[in-house]
Protein backbone atom coordinates (compact mmCIF):
# COMPACT_ATOMS: atom_id res chain seq x y z
CA UNK A 1 0.00 0.00 0.00
CA UNK A 2 1.34 3.44 -0.97
CA UNK A 3 1.24 5.82 2.00
CA UNK A 4 2.80 8.83 0.29
CA UNK A 5 1.02 12.14 0.77
CA UNK A 6 0.16 14.06 -2.37
CA UNK A 7 -1.79 17.14 -3.40
CA UNK A 8 -5.59 16.82 -3.30
CA UNK A 9 -5.49 14.01 -0.73
CA UNK A 10 -8.15 14.37 1.94
CA UNK A 11 -6.96 14.24 5.54
CA UNK A 12 -8.37 14.50 9.06
CA UNK A 13 -6.70 16.11 12.06
CA UNK A 14 -5.45 13.87 14.85
CA UNK A 15 -5.24 16.72 17.36
CA UNK A 16 -6.75 20.14 18.03
CA UNK A 17 -5.09 23.27 16.64
CA UNK A 18 -6.60 26.03 18.81
CA UNK A 19 -4.66 28.83 17.07
CA UNK A 20 -6.48 27.94 13.82
CA UNK A 21 -9.82 27.15 15.52
CA UNK A 22 -9.52 23.56 14.28
CA UNK A 23 -10.52 20.44 16.17
CA UNK A 24 -9.49 16.81 16.05
CA UNK A 25 -11.44 15.13 13.25
CA UNK A 26 -11.79 18.23 11.07
CA UNK A 27 -11.32 17.24 7.43
CA UNK A 28 -9.18 19.17 4.97
CA UNK A 29 -7.51 18.84 1.58
CA UNK A 30 -3.77 18.92 0.89
CA UNK A 31 -3.28 21.83 -1.53
CA UNK A 32 0.51 22.18 -1.55
CA UNK A 33 3.59 20.18 -0.64
CA UNK A 34 6.26 22.68 0.40
CA UNK A 35 8.96 20.04 0.08
CA UNK A 36 10.25 20.96 3.54
CA UNK A 37 8.16 18.48 5.54
CA UNK A 38 5.08 20.72 5.74
CA UNK A 39 1.85 20.51 3.79
CA UNK A 40 -0.58 23.35 3.18
CA UNK A 41 -4.03 22.02 4.13
CA UNK A 42 -7.25 23.79 3.20
CA UNK A 43 -10.26 23.53 5.51
CA UNK A 44 -13.54 24.66 3.93
CA UNK A 45 -17.15 24.97 5.03
CA UNK A 46 -20.14 23.37 3.27
CA UNK A 47 -20.32 26.32 0.87
CA UNK A 48 -16.69 25.86 -0.18
CA UNK A 49 -15.40 28.92 1.67
CA UNK A 50 -11.93 28.42 3.15
CA UNK A 51 -11.83 29.06 6.89
CA UNK A 52 -8.29 27.82 7.65
CA UNK A 53 -5.16 27.21 5.58
CA UNK A 54 -2.42 26.04 7.96
CA UNK A 55 0.94 24.49 7.10
CA UNK A 56 0.99 21.13 8.88
CA UNK A 57 3.36 18.24 9.35
CA UNK A 58 2.18 14.72 8.50
C-alpha atoms as a PDB file:
ATOM      1  CA  UNK A   1       0.000   0.000   0.000  1.00  0.00           C
ATOM      2  CA  UNK A   2       1.338   3.442  -0.972  1.00  0.00           C
ATOM      3  CA  UNK A   3       1.241   5.821   1.998  1.00  0.00           C
ATOM      4  CA  UNK A   4       2.799   8.826   0.290  1.00  0.00           C
ATOM      5  CA  UNK A   5       1.015  12.141   0.769  1.00  0.00           C
ATOM      6  CA  UNK A   6       0.161  14.061  -2.369  1.00  0.00           C
ATOM      7  CA  UNK A   7      -1.786  17.142  -3.400  1.00  0.00           C
ATOM      8  CA  UNK A   8      -5.592  16.818  -3.302  1.00  0.00           C
ATOM      9  CA  UNK A   9      -5.487  14.014  -0.731  1.00  0.00           C
ATOM     10  CA  UNK A  10      -8.155  14.369   1.942  1.00  0.00           C
ATOM     11  CA  UNK A  11      -6.961  14.235   5.542  1.00  0.00           C
ATOM     12  CA  UNK A  12      -8.371  14.504   9.059  1.00  0.00           C
ATOM     13  CA  UNK A  13      -6.699  16.111  12.055  1.00  0.00           C
ATOM     14  CA  UNK A  14      -5.453  13.869  14.846  1.00  0.00           C
ATOM     15  CA  UNK A  15      -5.240  16.722  17.359  1.00  0.00           C
ATOM     16  CA  UNK A  16      -6.750  20.141  18.026  1.00  0.00           C
ATOM     17  CA  UNK A  17      -5.088  23.268  16.641  1.00  0.00           C
ATOM     18  CA  UNK A  18      -6.597  26.026  18.806  1.00  0.00           C
ATOM     19  CA  UNK A  19      -4.658  28.826  17.074  1.00  0.00           C
ATOM     20  CA  UNK A  20      -6.476  27.942  13.820  1.00  0.00           C
ATOM     21  CA  UNK A  21      -9.824  27.153  15.516  1.00  0.00           C
ATOM     22  CA  UNK A  22      -9.522  23.564  14.278  1.00  0.00           C
ATOM     23  CA  UNK A  23     -10.519  20.435  16.170  1.00  0.00           C
ATOM     24  CA  UNK A  24      -9.491  16.808  16.046  1.00  0.00           C
ATOM     25  CA  UNK A  25     -11.443  15.127  13.248  1.00  0.00           C
ATOM     26  CA  UNK A  26     -11.788  18.232  11.065  1.00  0.00           C
ATOM     27  CA  UNK A  27     -11.318  17.236   7.429  1.00  0.00           C
ATOM     28  CA  UNK A  28      -9.179  19.172   4.971  1.00  0.00           C
ATOM     29  CA  UNK A  29      -7.512  18.839   1.585  1.00  0.00           C
ATOM     30  CA  UNK A  30      -3.774  18.923   0.886  1.00  0.00           C
ATOM     31  CA  UNK A  31      -3.280  21.832  -1.530  1.00  0.00           C
ATOM     32  CA  UNK A  32       0.506  22.183  -1.548  1.00  0.00           C
ATOM     33  CA  UNK A  33       3.592  20.183  -0.638  1.00  0.00           C
ATOM     34  CA  UNK A  34       6.264  22.680   0.399  1.00  0.00           C
ATOM     35  CA  UNK A  35       8.958  20.042   0.084  1.00  0.00           C
ATOM     36  CA  UNK A  36      10.247  20.956   3.545  1.00  0.00           C
ATOM     37  CA  UNK A  37       8.158  18.482   5.538  1.00  0.00           C
ATOM     38  CA  UNK A  38       5.084  20.715   5.744  1.00  0.00           C
ATOM     39  CA  UNK A  39       1.851  20.510   3.791  1.00  0.00           C
ATOM     40  CA  UNK A  40      -0.581  23.348   3.176  1.00  0.00           C
ATOM     41  CA  UNK A  41      -4.027  22.022   4.127  1.00  0.00           C
ATOM     42  CA  UNK A  42      -7.253  23.794   3.201  1.00  0.00           C
ATOM     43  CA  UNK A  43     -10.263  23.531   5.506  1.00  0.00           C
ATOM     44  CA  UNK A  44     -13.538  24.664   3.930  1.00  0.00           C
ATOM     45  CA  UNK A  45     -17.152  24.975   5.033  1.00  0.00           C
ATOM     46  CA  UNK A  46     -20.136  23.373   3.274  1.00  0.00           C
ATOM     47  CA  UNK A  47     -20.317  26.319   0.867  1.00  0.00           C
ATOM     48  CA  UNK A  48     -16.690  25.864  -0.181  1.00  0.00           C
ATOM     49  CA  UNK A  49     -15.397  28.917   1.670  1.00  0.00           C
ATOM     50  CA  UNK A  50     -11.929  28.425   3.145  1.00  0.00           C
ATOM     51  CA  UNK A  51     -11.828  29.060   6.895  1.00  0.00           C
ATOM     52  CA  UNK A  52      -8.291  27.822   7.646  1.00  0.00           C
ATOM     53  CA  UNK A  53      -5.159  27.210   5.583  1.00  0.00           C
ATOM     54  CA  UNK A  54      -2.417  26.040   7.957  1.00  0.00           C
ATOM     55  CA  UNK A  55       0.938  24.493   7.097  1.00  0.00           C
ATOM     56  CA  UNK A  56       0.993  21.133   8.884  1.00  0.00           C
ATOM     57  CA  UNK A  57       3.364  18.241   9.355  1.00  0.00           C
ATOM     58  CA  UNK A  58       2.184  14.723   8.500  1.00  0.00           C
END
